Amino acid sequence: MTDNEREIYVYKMVTDNGGAPCVSGNLLSLAICKPKIRKTAGEESLVFGFGGKGYDERLIYIARVTGKLQGDAYYRQRGFARRPDCIYRVENDRPARKVSARYHSDSDQRKKDVGFHFENAFVLLSDDFRYLGHKGTDDFKKRYPKIRRLVENLKQGHRRYHSAALRGELLALKAENWRKYRRMKVGIPTEKDRDRLCNADSPSACC
């Protein structure tokens, strides 16, 4: 797949607490929250997560999707069972929140996360990412004016077919971070509050 064919998803994160995305063992996963992106993004898509206003619109992470699971696959495989975002178990073919789950403890988020019969369970996986977390900055705004305008004006809902110039800036920002950081996990999550929902409505865009 060429860069011109690659889908690029951009969204603003209302929560960066290690749940979505989850980085563990050199693997980034998006298993909870952002159901529309998880459903539609395919392998080789790029996902950019920028902070919302509460995070000063900092770049939080960039990931190239290298794998995708659907249905209850993520929740049945032993290799994923101890990941922090694997918060459900399969019980009579339906999802049940684990007692030990670290996230979504205050309300039932099964419908958005996985669906009541795992019909909404889509998990994006990446072993080619840069997660900046609390070390992310908004310095990109100085070098990439089109990304700055996109992030600052991002409203709720999806948009497609951005200009070639914007795609070029996004790809350049990815390349810049890959050159700058050899490690895939650069920083830790911005906050420790695991009770904050990441499913709250936030703007997103696909280009």
N, C-alpha and C. Protein backbone atom coordinates (compact mmCIF):
# COMPACT_ATOMS: atom_id res chain seq x y z
N MET A 1 0.84 -1.19 0.00
CA MET A 1 0.00 0.00 0.00
C MET A 1 0.88 1.25 0.00
N THR A 2 0.56 2.19 -0.88
CA THR A 2 1.32 3.43 -0.92
C THR A 2 0.72 4.44 0.06
N ASP A 3 1.50 5.48 0.35
CA ASP A 3 1.01 6.51 1.26
C ASP A 3 -0.25 7.19 0.71
N ASN A 4 -0.37 7.28 -0.61
CA ASN A 4 -1.54 7.91 -1.21
C ASN A 4 -2.80 7.08 -1.02
N GLU A 5 -2.63 5.78 -0.80
CA GLU A 5 -3.78 4.89 -0.63
C GLU A 5 -4.14 4.69 0.84
N ARG A 6 -3.26 5.06 1.73
CA ARG A 6 -3.42 4.78 3.14
C ARG A 6 -4.47 5.69 3.77
N GLU A 7 -5.37 5.12 4.55
CA GLU A 7 -6.33 5.94 5.30
C GLU A 7 -5.64 6.57 6.49
N ILE A 8 -6.04 7.79 6.81
CA ILE A 8 -5.47 8.49 7.95
C ILE A 8 -6.61 8.97 8.84
N TYR A 9 -6.61 8.50 10.07
CA TYR A 9 -7.62 8.90 11.04
C TYR A 9 -7.01 9.87 12.04
N VAL A 10 -7.73 10.95 12.29
CA VAL A 10 -7.28 11.96 13.23
C VAL A 10 -8.39 12.22 14.23
N TYR A 11 -8.07 12.23 15.51
CA TYR A 11 -9.09 12.54 16.50
C TYR A 11 -8.49 13.21 17.71
N LYS A 12 -9.35 13.82 18.49
CA LYS A 12 -8.94 14.46 19.73
C LYS A 12 -9.31 13.57 20.90
N MET A 13 -8.36 13.41 21.82
CA MET A 13 -8.57 12.54 22.97
C MET A 13 -9.04 13.35 24.17
N VAL A 14 -10.13 12.91 24.77
CA VAL A 14 -10.59 13.56 25.99
C VAL A 14 -9.95 12.94 27.22
N THR A 15 -9.38 11.75 27.05
CA THR A 15 -8.73 11.05 28.16
C THR A 15 -7.48 10.34 27.68
N ASP A 16 -6.39 10.51 28.40
CA ASP A 16 -5.15 9.78 28.13
C ASP A 16 -4.68 9.19 29.44
N ASN A 17 -5.25 8.03 29.79
CA ASN A 17 -4.93 7.41 31.07
C ASN A 17 -4.46 5.96 30.92
N GLY A 18 -4.06 5.60 29.71
CA GLY A 18 -3.53 4.25 29.48
C GLY A 18 -4.56 3.24 29.04
N GLY A 19 -5.81 3.65 28.92
CA GLY A 19 -6.85 2.70 28.51
C GLY A 19 -7.08 2.66 27.01
N ALA A 20 -7.08 3.83 26.37
CA ALA A 20 -7.32 3.91 24.93
C ALA A 20 -6.55 5.10 24.36
N PRO A 21 -5.39 4.86 23.76
CA PRO A 21 -4.84 3.53 23.51
C PRO A 21 -4.17 2.95 24.75
N CYS A 22 -3.93 1.66 24.67
CA CYS A 22 -3.21 0.94 25.72
C CYS A 22 -1.87 0.49 25.13
N VAL A 23 -0.79 0.79 25.83
CA VAL A 23 0.54 0.39 25.38
C VAL A 23 1.13 -0.55 26.42
N SER A 24 1.41 -1.77 25.99
CA SER A 24 1.96 -2.77 26.90
C SER A 24 2.74 -3.78 26.08
N GLY A 25 3.97 -4.06 26.50
CA GLY A 25 4.77 -5.07 25.81
C GLY A 25 5.05 -4.74 24.36
N ASN A 26 5.37 -3.48 24.05
CA ASN A 26 5.67 -3.05 22.69
C ASN A 26 4.52 -3.28 21.72
N LEU A 27 3.31 -3.32 22.25
CA LEU A 27 2.11 -3.42 21.42
C LEU A 27 1.13 -2.36 21.86
N LEU A 28 0.64 -1.60 20.90
CA LEU A 28 -0.40 -0.62 21.16
C LEU A 28 -1.73 -1.20 20.71
N SER A 29 -2.74 -1.06 21.54
CA SER A 29 -4.06 -1.55 21.19
C SER A 29 -5.11 -0.48 21.44
N LEU A 30 -6.12 -0.50 20.60
CA LEU A 30 -7.29 0.35 20.78
C LEU A 30 -8.48 -0.59 20.81
N ALA A 31 -8.89 -0.96 22.02
CA ALA A 31 -9.92 -1.98 22.20
C ALA A 31 -11.20 -1.42 22.79
N ILE A 32 -11.10 -0.30 23.49
CA ILE A 32 -12.27 0.34 24.09
C ILE A 32 -12.31 1.79 23.63
N CYS A 33 -13.47 2.39 23.69
CA CYS A 33 -13.67 3.78 23.24
C CYS A 33 -13.45 3.88 21.71
N LYS A 34 -13.76 5.03 21.15
CA LYS A 34 -13.64 5.31 19.72
C LYS A 34 -14.19 4.18 18.85
N PRO A 35 -15.45 3.78 19.04
CA PRO A 35 -15.99 2.63 18.31
C PRO A 35 -16.01 2.79 16.80
N LYS A 36 -16.24 4.02 16.29
CA LYS A 36 -16.31 4.20 14.84
C LYS A 36 -14.95 4.01 14.19
N ILE A 37 -13.91 4.51 14.82
CA ILE A 37 -12.57 4.32 14.27
C ILE A 37 -12.19 2.86 14.33
N ARG A 38 -12.48 2.20 15.44
CA ARG A 38 -12.12 0.78 15.57
C ARG A 38 -12.84 -0.07 14.53
N LYS A 39 -14.05 0.30 14.19
CA LYS A 39 -14.81 -0.50 13.22
C LYS A 39 -14.32 -0.29 11.80
N THR A 40 -14.03 0.94 11.43
CA THR A 40 -13.75 1.23 10.01
C THR A 40 -12.28 1.18 9.64
N ALA A 41 -11.38 1.45 10.57
CA ALA A 41 -9.95 1.46 10.23
C ALA A 41 -9.48 0.04 9.93
N GLY A 42 -8.69 -0.09 8.90
CA GLY A 42 -8.14 -1.39 8.54
C GLY A 42 -6.64 -1.42 8.70
N GLU A 43 -6.06 -2.55 8.40
CA GLU A 43 -4.60 -2.67 8.48
C GLU A 43 -3.94 -1.67 7.52
N GLU A 44 -2.86 -1.12 7.96
CA GLU A 44 -2.07 -0.10 7.27
C GLU A 44 -2.63 1.31 7.42
N SER A 45 -3.81 1.44 8.04
CA SER A 45 -4.30 2.79 8.34
C SER A 45 -3.38 3.45 9.36
N LEU A 46 -3.35 4.77 9.33
CA LEU A 46 -2.63 5.54 10.34
C LEU A 46 -3.64 6.20 11.25
N VAL A 47 -3.37 6.16 12.55
CA VAL A 47 -4.24 6.80 13.53
C VAL A 47 -3.41 7.83 14.29
N PHE A 48 -3.89 9.07 14.30
CA PHE A 48 -3.25 10.16 15.03
C PHE A 48 -4.16 10.55 16.19
N GLY A 49 -3.65 10.53 17.39
CA GLY A 49 -4.40 10.97 18.56
C GLY A 49 -3.80 12.25 19.11
N PHE A 50 -4.56 13.33 19.03
CA PHE A 50 -4.14 14.61 19.60
C PHE A 50 -4.97 14.87 20.86
N GLY A 51 -4.40 15.58 21.80
CA GLY A 51 -5.14 15.92 22.99
C GLY A 51 -6.23 16.93 22.70
N GLY A 52 -7.30 16.89 23.47
CA GLY A 52 -8.32 17.91 23.39
C GLY A 52 -7.85 19.18 24.08
N LYS A 53 -8.79 20.10 24.26
CA LYS A 53 -8.43 21.38 24.89
C LYS A 53 -7.81 21.16 26.26
N GLY A 54 -8.31 20.15 27.00
CA GLY A 54 -7.77 19.88 28.33
C GLY A 54 -6.34 19.40 28.32
N TYR A 55 -5.89 18.92 27.17
CA TYR A 55 -4.51 18.46 27.02
C TYR A 55 -3.71 19.39 26.10
N ASP A 56 -4.20 20.61 25.94
CA ASP A 56 -3.50 21.64 25.16
C ASP A 56 -3.25 21.23 23.71
N GLU A 57 -4.08 20.31 23.21
CA GLU A 57 -3.99 19.87 21.81
C GLU A 57 -2.62 19.31 21.46
N ARG A 58 -1.99 18.67 22.43
CA ARG A 58 -0.68 18.05 22.21
C ARG A 58 -0.82 16.78 21.37
N LEU A 59 0.22 16.44 20.66
CA LEU A 59 0.26 15.15 19.97
C LEU A 59 0.49 14.07 21.02
N ILE A 60 -0.43 13.12 21.11
CA ILE A 60 -0.33 12.04 22.10
C ILE A 60 0.26 10.77 21.47
N TYR A 61 -0.20 10.40 20.29
CA TYR A 61 0.37 9.20 19.67
C TYR A 61 0.05 9.16 18.17
N ILE A 62 0.85 8.36 17.48
CA ILE A 62 0.62 8.01 16.08
C ILE A 62 0.85 6.51 15.97
N ALA A 63 -0.04 5.81 15.29
CA ALA A 63 0.12 4.36 15.15
C ALA A 63 -0.26 3.91 13.74
N ARG A 64 0.52 3.00 13.23
CA ARG A 64 0.16 2.31 11.98
C ARG A 64 -0.51 1.00 12.37
N VAL A 65 -1.72 0.80 11.91
CA VAL A 65 -2.46 -0.41 12.27
C VAL A 65 -1.81 -1.61 11.58
N THR A 66 -1.36 -2.57 12.38
CA THR A 66 -0.70 -3.75 11.83
C THR A 66 -1.51 -5.02 12.07
N GLY A 67 -2.62 -4.90 12.78
CA GLY A 67 -3.48 -6.05 13.01
C GLY A 67 -4.85 -5.59 13.46
N LYS A 68 -5.85 -6.43 13.22
CA LYS A 68 -7.21 -6.09 13.65
C LYS A 68 -7.95 -7.37 14.02
N LEU A 69 -8.58 -7.34 15.18
CA LEU A 69 -9.38 -8.47 15.65
C LEU A 69 -10.83 -8.02 15.77
N GLN A 70 -11.75 -8.96 15.61
CA GLN A 70 -13.15 -8.62 15.81
C GLN A 70 -13.88 -9.75 16.51
N GLY A 71 -15.09 -9.44 16.96
CA GLY A 71 -15.81 -10.41 17.75
C GLY A 71 -15.13 -10.59 19.10
N ASP A 72 -15.23 -11.76 19.67
CA ASP A 72 -14.66 -11.98 21.01
C ASP A 72 -13.22 -12.46 20.98
N ALA A 73 -12.55 -12.37 19.81
CA ALA A 73 -11.20 -12.93 19.67
C ALA A 73 -10.22 -12.35 20.68
N TYR A 74 -10.26 -11.03 20.87
CA TYR A 74 -9.32 -10.38 21.78
C TYR A 74 -9.52 -10.86 23.21
N TYR A 75 -10.74 -11.20 23.54
CA TYR A 75 -11.10 -11.54 24.92
C TYR A 75 -11.00 -13.03 25.21
N ARG A 76 -10.74 -13.82 24.19
CA ARG A 76 -10.57 -15.27 24.38
C ARG A 76 -9.11 -15.69 24.36
N GLN A 77 -8.25 -14.89 23.76
CA GLN A 77 -6.85 -15.29 23.59
C GLN A 77 -6.04 -15.00 24.86
N ARG A 78 -5.33 -16.00 25.33
CA ARG A 78 -4.54 -15.86 26.56
C ARG A 78 -3.49 -14.77 26.46
N GLY A 79 -2.94 -14.60 25.28
CA GLY A 79 -1.88 -13.63 25.10
C GLY A 79 -2.31 -12.20 25.38
N PHE A 80 -3.60 -11.94 25.34
CA PHE A 80 -4.10 -10.59 25.59
C PHE A 80 -4.77 -10.44 26.95
N ALA A 81 -4.95 -11.53 27.64
CA ALA A 81 -5.78 -11.53 28.85
C ALA A 81 -5.30 -10.56 29.93
N ARG A 82 -4.00 -10.35 30.04
CA ARG A 82 -3.47 -9.49 31.09
C ARG A 82 -3.27 -8.04 30.65
N ARG A 83 -3.63 -7.73 29.42
CA ARG A 83 -3.50 -6.34 28.97
C ARG A 83 -4.52 -5.47 29.69
N PRO A 84 -4.13 -4.27 30.09
CA PRO A 84 -5.03 -3.41 30.87
C PRO A 84 -6.36 -3.10 30.20
N ASP A 85 -6.38 -3.06 28.85
CA ASP A 85 -7.64 -2.72 28.18
C ASP A 85 -8.49 -3.94 27.86
N CYS A 86 -8.03 -5.13 28.23
CA CYS A 86 -8.84 -6.34 28.05
C CYS A 86 -9.73 -6.47 29.28
N ILE A 87 -10.75 -5.63 29.35
CA ILE A 87 -11.54 -5.49 30.58
C ILE A 87 -12.79 -6.37 30.60
N TYR A 88 -12.97 -7.17 29.53
CA TYR A 88 -14.15 -8.05 29.49
C TYR A 88 -13.71 -9.51 29.39
N ARG A 89 -14.57 -10.38 29.84
CA ARG A 89 -14.40 -11.81 29.65
C ARG A 89 -15.63 -12.32 28.91
N VAL A 90 -15.51 -13.49 28.31
CA VAL A 90 -16.63 -14.08 27.58
C VAL A 90 -17.40 -14.99 28.52
N GLU A 91 -18.67 -14.69 28.70
CA GLU A 91 -19.53 -15.46 29.59
C GLU A 91 -20.83 -15.77 28.86
N ASN A 92 -21.01 -17.06 28.50
CA ASN A 92 -22.17 -17.47 27.71
C ASN A 92 -22.28 -16.66 26.43
N ASP A 93 -21.14 -16.48 25.77
CA ASP A 93 -21.04 -15.76 24.50
C ASP A 93 -21.39 -14.28 24.61
N ARG A 94 -21.42 -13.75 25.81
CA ARG A 94 -21.69 -12.34 26.03
C ARG A 94 -20.56 -11.73 26.84
N PRO A 95 -20.35 -10.43 26.73
CA PRO A 95 -19.27 -9.79 27.49
C PRO A 95 -19.67 -9.51 28.93
N ALA A 96 -18.77 -9.79 29.83
CA ALA A 96 -18.95 -9.45 31.24
C ALA A 96 -17.69 -8.73 31.69
N ARG A 97 -17.86 -7.64 32.38
CA ARG A 97 -16.70 -6.88 32.82
C ARG A 97 -15.96 -7.64 33.90
N LYS A 98 -14.65 -7.73 33.77
CA LYS A 98 -13.85 -8.43 34.76
C LYS A 98 -13.85 -7.67 36.08
N VAL A 99 -13.84 -8.41 37.18
CA VAL A 99 -13.77 -7.79 38.50
C VAL A 99 -12.48 -6.99 38.63
N SER A 100 -11.43 -7.46 37.99
CA SER A 100 -10.12 -6.81 38.09
C SER A 100 -9.92 -5.68 37.08
N ALA A 101 -10.94 -5.40 36.28
CA ALA A 101 -10.80 -4.40 35.22
C ALA A 101 -10.44 -3.03 35.78
N ARG A 102 -9.51 -2.37 35.11
CA ARG A 102 -9.02 -1.07 35.57
C ARG A 102 -9.85 0.10 35.06
N TYR A 103 -10.61 -0.12 33.98
CA TYR A 103 -11.31 0.99 33.34
C TYR A 103 -12.82 0.74 33.28
N HIS A 104 -13.55 1.83 33.13
CA HIS A 104 -15.01 1.81 32.99
C HIS A 104 -15.68 1.14 34.19
N SER A 105 -15.25 1.55 35.36
CA SER A 105 -15.77 0.95 36.59
C SER A 105 -17.05 1.63 37.07
N ASP A 106 -17.31 2.86 36.61
CA ASP A 106 -18.44 3.62 37.14
C ASP A 106 -19.72 3.48 36.34
N SER A 107 -19.65 2.94 35.12
CA SER A 107 -20.85 2.80 34.30
C SER A 107 -20.66 1.68 33.30
N ASP A 108 -21.76 1.19 32.77
CA ASP A 108 -21.73 0.08 31.82
C ASP A 108 -21.47 0.62 30.42
N GLN A 109 -20.28 0.37 29.91
CA GLN A 109 -19.88 0.86 28.60
C GLN A 109 -19.81 -0.25 27.56
N ARG A 110 -20.45 -1.37 27.86
CA ARG A 110 -20.33 -2.52 26.95
C ARG A 110 -20.86 -2.23 25.55
N LYS A 111 -21.96 -1.50 25.45
CA LYS A 111 -22.55 -1.26 24.13
C LYS A 111 -21.56 -0.58 23.20
N LYS A 112 -20.90 0.48 23.68
CA LYS A 112 -19.94 1.19 22.84
C LYS A 112 -18.63 0.43 22.69
N ASP A 113 -18.21 -0.22 23.76
CA ASP A 113 -16.92 -0.91 23.72
C ASP A 113 -16.96 -2.16 22.83
N VAL A 114 -17.91 -3.03 23.09
CA VAL A 114 -17.92 -4.33 22.41
C VAL A 114 -19.29 -4.76 21.89
N GLY A 115 -20.37 -4.13 22.38
CA GLY A 115 -21.71 -4.61 22.05
C GLY A 115 -22.11 -5.71 22.99
N PHE A 116 -23.40 -5.93 23.14
CA PHE A 116 -23.86 -6.93 24.10
C PHE A 116 -23.66 -8.36 23.64
N HIS A 117 -23.30 -8.54 22.37
CA HIS A 117 -22.97 -9.87 21.84
C HIS A 117 -21.65 -9.81 21.06
N PHE A 118 -20.79 -8.88 21.43
CA PHE A 118 -19.49 -8.65 20.78
C PHE A 118 -19.63 -8.19 19.34
N GLU A 119 -20.81 -7.69 18.98
CA GLU A 119 -21.00 -7.22 17.61
C GLU A 119 -20.24 -5.93 17.32
N ASN A 120 -19.89 -5.20 18.35
CA ASN A 120 -19.13 -3.96 18.18
C ASN A 120 -17.68 -4.10 18.63
N ALA A 121 -17.26 -5.33 18.80
CA ALA A 121 -15.90 -5.57 19.31
C ALA A 121 -14.91 -5.60 18.15
N PHE A 122 -14.26 -4.49 17.94
CA PHE A 122 -13.19 -4.37 16.95
C PHE A 122 -11.97 -3.82 17.68
N VAL A 123 -10.85 -4.50 17.53
CA VAL A 123 -9.63 -4.11 18.25
C VAL A 123 -8.53 -3.85 17.24
N LEU A 124 -8.00 -2.64 17.28
CA LEU A 124 -6.88 -2.28 16.43
C LEU A 124 -5.58 -2.55 17.18
N LEU A 125 -4.62 -3.14 16.49
CA LEU A 125 -3.33 -3.47 17.08
C LEU A 125 -2.22 -2.83 16.27
N SER A 126 -1.16 -2.42 16.94
CA SER A 126 -0.03 -1.83 16.24
C SER A 126 1.28 -2.18 16.94
N ASP A 127 2.23 -2.66 16.15
CA ASP A 127 3.59 -2.83 16.66
C ASP A 127 4.53 -1.87 15.94
N ASP A 128 3.94 -0.81 15.40
CA ASP A 128 4.69 0.24 14.72
C ASP A 128 4.04 1.58 15.07
N PHE A 129 4.47 2.15 16.19
CA PHE A 129 3.82 3.35 16.72
C PHE A 129 4.81 4.21 17.48
N ARG A 130 4.38 5.40 17.79
CA ARG A 130 5.09 6.27 18.72
C ARG A 130 4.05 6.83 19.68
N TYR A 131 4.16 6.42 20.92
CA TYR A 131 3.25 6.91 21.95
C TYR A 131 4.03 7.89 22.82
N LEU A 132 3.62 9.15 22.79
CA LEU A 132 4.32 10.20 23.51
C LEU A 132 3.73 10.45 24.90
N GLY A 133 2.41 10.29 25.04
CA GLY A 133 1.78 10.50 26.32
C GLY A 133 2.06 11.89 26.88
N HIS A 134 2.51 11.93 28.14
CA HIS A 134 2.73 13.22 28.80
C HIS A 134 3.89 14.01 28.20
N LYS A 135 4.71 13.35 27.38
CA LYS A 135 5.83 14.06 26.75
C LYS A 135 5.45 14.69 25.41
N GLY A 136 4.24 14.48 24.97
CA GLY A 136 3.80 15.07 23.72
C GLY A 136 3.71 16.59 23.84
N THR A 137 3.88 17.28 22.74
CA THR A 137 3.81 18.74 22.73
C THR A 137 2.93 19.20 21.58
N ASP A 138 2.69 20.52 21.54
CA ASP A 138 1.97 21.10 20.41
C ASP A 138 2.94 21.82 19.47
N ASP A 139 4.21 21.46 19.52
CA ASP A 139 5.22 22.09 18.67
C ASP A 139 4.92 21.89 17.18
N PHE A 140 4.17 20.85 16.86
CA PHE A 140 3.86 20.59 15.46
C PHE A 140 3.13 21.77 14.82
N LYS A 141 2.44 22.55 15.62
CA LYS A 141 1.68 23.68 15.08
C LYS A 141 2.58 24.71 14.41
N LYS A 142 3.82 24.79 14.86
CA LYS A 142 4.76 25.77 14.29
C LYS A 142 5.23 25.35 12.91
N ARG A 143 5.28 24.05 12.66
CA ARG A 143 5.85 23.55 11.41
C ARG A 143 4.80 23.09 10.41
N TYR A 144 3.62 22.76 10.91
CA TYR A 144 2.59 22.19 10.04
C TYR A 144 1.29 22.99 10.17
N PRO A 145 1.16 24.08 9.43
CA PRO A 145 0.00 24.95 9.59
C PRO A 145 -1.33 24.29 9.25
N LYS A 146 -1.33 23.36 8.32
CA LYS A 146 -2.59 22.71 7.96
C LYS A 146 -3.03 21.74 9.06
N ILE A 147 -2.09 21.07 9.69
CA ILE A 147 -2.45 20.21 10.82
C ILE A 147 -2.93 21.07 11.98
N ARG A 148 -2.27 22.19 12.19
CA ARG A 148 -2.71 23.09 13.27
C ARG A 148 -4.16 23.51 13.07
N ARG A 149 -4.51 23.91 11.84
CA ARG A 149 -5.89 24.32 11.58
C ARG A 149 -6.85 23.16 11.74
N LEU A 150 -6.44 21.97 11.29
CA LEU A 150 -7.30 20.79 11.44
C LEU A 150 -7.58 20.52 12.91
N VAL A 151 -6.53 20.49 13.72
CA VAL A 151 -6.69 20.15 15.12
C VAL A 151 -7.48 21.23 15.86
N GLU A 152 -7.17 22.48 15.61
CA GLU A 152 -7.84 23.55 16.32
C GLU A 152 -9.31 23.70 15.94
N ASN A 153 -9.66 23.32 14.71
CA ASN A 153 -11.04 23.48 14.24
C ASN A 153 -11.82 22.17 14.22
N LEU A 154 -11.22 21.09 14.70
CA LEU A 154 -11.87 19.80 14.65
C LEU A 154 -13.16 19.82 15.46
N LYS A 155 -14.26 19.48 14.79
CA LYS A 155 -15.57 19.43 15.45
C LYS A 155 -16.04 17.99 15.52
N GLN A 156 -17.15 17.77 16.24
CA GLN A 156 -17.65 16.41 16.40
C GLN A 156 -18.08 15.85 15.05
N GLY A 157 -17.80 14.60 14.85
CA GLY A 157 -18.16 13.95 13.60
C GLY A 157 -16.93 13.62 12.77
N HIS A 158 -17.17 12.97 11.64
CA HIS A 158 -16.08 12.53 10.76
C HIS A 158 -16.02 13.40 9.52
N ARG A 159 -14.82 13.56 9.00
CA ARG A 159 -14.63 14.22 7.71
C ARG A 159 -13.69 13.37 6.87
N ARG A 160 -13.86 13.43 5.57
CA ARG A 160 -13.01 12.67 4.66
C ARG A 160 -12.47 13.57 3.55
N TYR A 161 -11.57 12.99 2.76
CA TYR A 161 -11.09 13.62 1.54
C TYR A 161 -10.43 14.97 1.80
N HIS A 162 -9.51 14.96 2.75
CA HIS A 162 -8.72 16.16 2.97
C HIS A 162 -7.73 16.35 1.82
N SER A 163 -7.22 17.50 1.74
CA SER A 163 -6.33 17.85 0.63
C SER A 163 -5.05 17.03 0.65
N ALA A 164 -4.45 16.96 -0.51
CA ALA A 164 -3.16 16.27 -0.61
C ALA A 164 -2.12 16.97 0.26
N ALA A 165 -2.23 18.28 0.38
CA ALA A 165 -1.27 19.03 1.20
C ALA A 165 -1.38 18.63 2.67
N LEU A 166 -2.60 18.46 3.16
CA LEU A 166 -2.80 18.05 4.55
C LEU A 166 -2.28 16.64 4.77
N ARG A 167 -2.57 15.75 3.84
CA ARG A 167 -2.05 14.38 3.95
C ARG A 167 -0.53 14.41 4.00
N GLY A 168 0.06 15.27 3.16
CA GLY A 168 1.51 15.37 3.14
C GLY A 168 2.07 15.81 4.48
N GLU A 169 1.40 16.77 5.13
CA GLU A 169 1.86 17.22 6.44
C GLU A 169 1.72 16.12 7.49
N LEU A 170 0.63 15.38 7.45
CA LEU A 170 0.44 14.31 8.43
C LEU A 170 1.50 13.23 8.25
N LEU A 171 1.78 12.87 7.01
CA LEU A 171 2.81 11.86 6.76
C LEU A 171 4.19 12.38 7.16
N ALA A 172 4.42 13.67 6.95
CA ALA A 172 5.70 14.26 7.36
C ALA A 172 5.84 14.27 8.88
N LEU A 173 4.73 14.54 9.58
CA LEU A 173 4.76 14.52 11.04
C LEU A 173 5.05 13.12 11.55
N LYS A 174 4.47 12.12 10.92
CA LYS A 174 4.77 10.74 11.30
C LYS A 174 6.25 10.44 11.09
N ALA A 175 6.77 10.76 9.90
CA ALA A 175 8.18 10.48 9.60
C ALA A 175 9.11 11.20 10.57
N GLU A 176 8.75 12.41 10.93
CA GLU A 176 9.56 13.19 11.87
C GLU A 176 9.65 12.49 13.22
N ASN A 177 8.53 11.98 13.70
CA ASN A 177 8.53 11.32 15.00
C ASN A 177 9.24 9.97 14.95
N TRP A 178 9.16 9.27 13.83
CA TRP A 178 9.88 8.00 13.70
C TRP A 178 11.39 8.24 13.70
N ARG A 179 11.83 9.35 13.10
CA ARG A 179 13.25 9.68 13.11
C ARG A 179 13.70 10.13 14.50
N LYS A 180 12.88 10.88 15.16
CA LYS A 180 13.25 11.48 16.44
C LYS A 180 13.31 10.46 17.56
N TYR A 181 12.39 9.51 17.55
CA TYR A 181 12.30 8.55 18.65
C TYR A 181 12.52 7.13 18.15
N ARG A 182 13.47 6.45 18.72
CA ARG A 182 13.69 5.05 18.37
C ARG A 182 12.76 4.15 19.17
N ARG A 183 12.51 4.53 20.42
CA ARG A 183 11.59 3.75 21.24
C ARG A 183 10.16 4.05 20.83
N MET A 184 9.32 3.04 20.89
CA MET A 184 7.93 3.25 20.51
C MET A 184 7.12 3.89 21.64
N LYS A 185 7.45 3.54 22.87
CA LYS A 185 6.80 4.17 24.02
C LYS A 185 7.76 5.21 24.58
N VAL A 186 7.42 6.48 24.34
CA VAL A 186 8.30 7.57 24.73
C VAL A 186 7.96 8.09 26.12
N GLY A 187 6.68 8.24 26.42
CA GLY A 187 6.26 8.77 27.71
C GLY A 187 5.19 7.90 28.34
N ILE A 188 4.77 8.29 29.53
CA ILE A 188 3.70 7.60 30.23
C ILE A 188 2.40 8.35 30.01
N PRO A 189 1.25 7.73 30.32
CA PRO A 189 -0.02 8.44 30.15
C PRO A 189 -0.04 9.77 30.89
N THR A 190 -0.79 10.71 30.35
CA THR A 190 -0.85 12.06 30.89
C THR A 190 -1.40 12.09 32.30
N GLU A 191 -2.34 11.21 32.60
CA GLU A 191 -2.94 11.22 33.93
C GLU A 191 -3.15 9.81 34.46
N LYS A 192 -3.35 9.72 35.77
CA LYS A 192 -3.51 8.43 36.43
C LYS A 192 -4.95 8.08 36.74
N ASP A 193 -5.88 9.00 36.50
CA ASP A 193 -7.28 8.78 36.82
C ASP A 193 -7.89 7.79 35.84
N ARG A 194 -8.06 6.56 36.28
CA ARG A 194 -8.60 5.52 35.41
C ARG A 194 -10.12 5.54 35.32
N ASP A 195 -10.75 6.38 36.11
CA ASP A 195 -12.21 6.44 36.09
C ASP A 195 -12.74 7.38 35.01
N ARG A 196 -11.87 8.20 34.45
CA ARG A 196 -12.31 9.12 33.40
C ARG A 196 -12.68 8.33 32.15
N LEU A 197 -13.85 8.62 31.61
CA LEU A 197 -14.31 7.91 30.42
C LEU A 197 -13.62 8.44 29.18
N CYS A 198 -13.24 7.53 28.31
CA CYS A 198 -12.74 7.93 27.00
C CYS A 198 -13.85 7.84 25.97
N ASN A 199 -15.01 7.34 26.37
CA ASN A 199 -16.13 7.20 25.44
C ASN A 199 -16.95 8.46 25.31
N ALA A 200 -16.62 9.49 26.08
CA ALA A 200 -17.35 10.74 25.95
C ALA A 200 -17.21 11.24 24.52
N ASP A 201 -18.26 11.84 24.00
CA ASP A 201 -18.24 12.30 22.63
C ASP A 201 -17.08 13.25 22.41
N SER A 202 -16.29 12.98 21.41
CA SER A 202 -15.17 13.86 21.06
C SER A 202 -15.06 13.88 19.54
N PRO A 203 -14.51 14.94 18.97
CA PRO A 203 -14.44 15.06 17.52
C PRO A 203 -13.43 14.11 16.92
N SER A 204 -13.71 13.67 15.72
CA SER A 204 -12.77 12.81 15.02
C SER A 204 -12.91 13.07 13.54
N ALA A 205 -11.91 12.68 12.80
CA ALA A 205 -11.95 12.91 11.36
C ALA A 205 -11.16 11.83 10.65
N CYS A 206 -11.63 11.43 9.51
CA CYS A 206 -10.90 10.46 8.67
C CYS A 206 -10.55 11.17 7.37
N CYS A 207 -9.32 11.05 6.96
CA CYS A 207 -8.94 11.72 5.72
C CYS A 207 -8.19 10.74 4.83
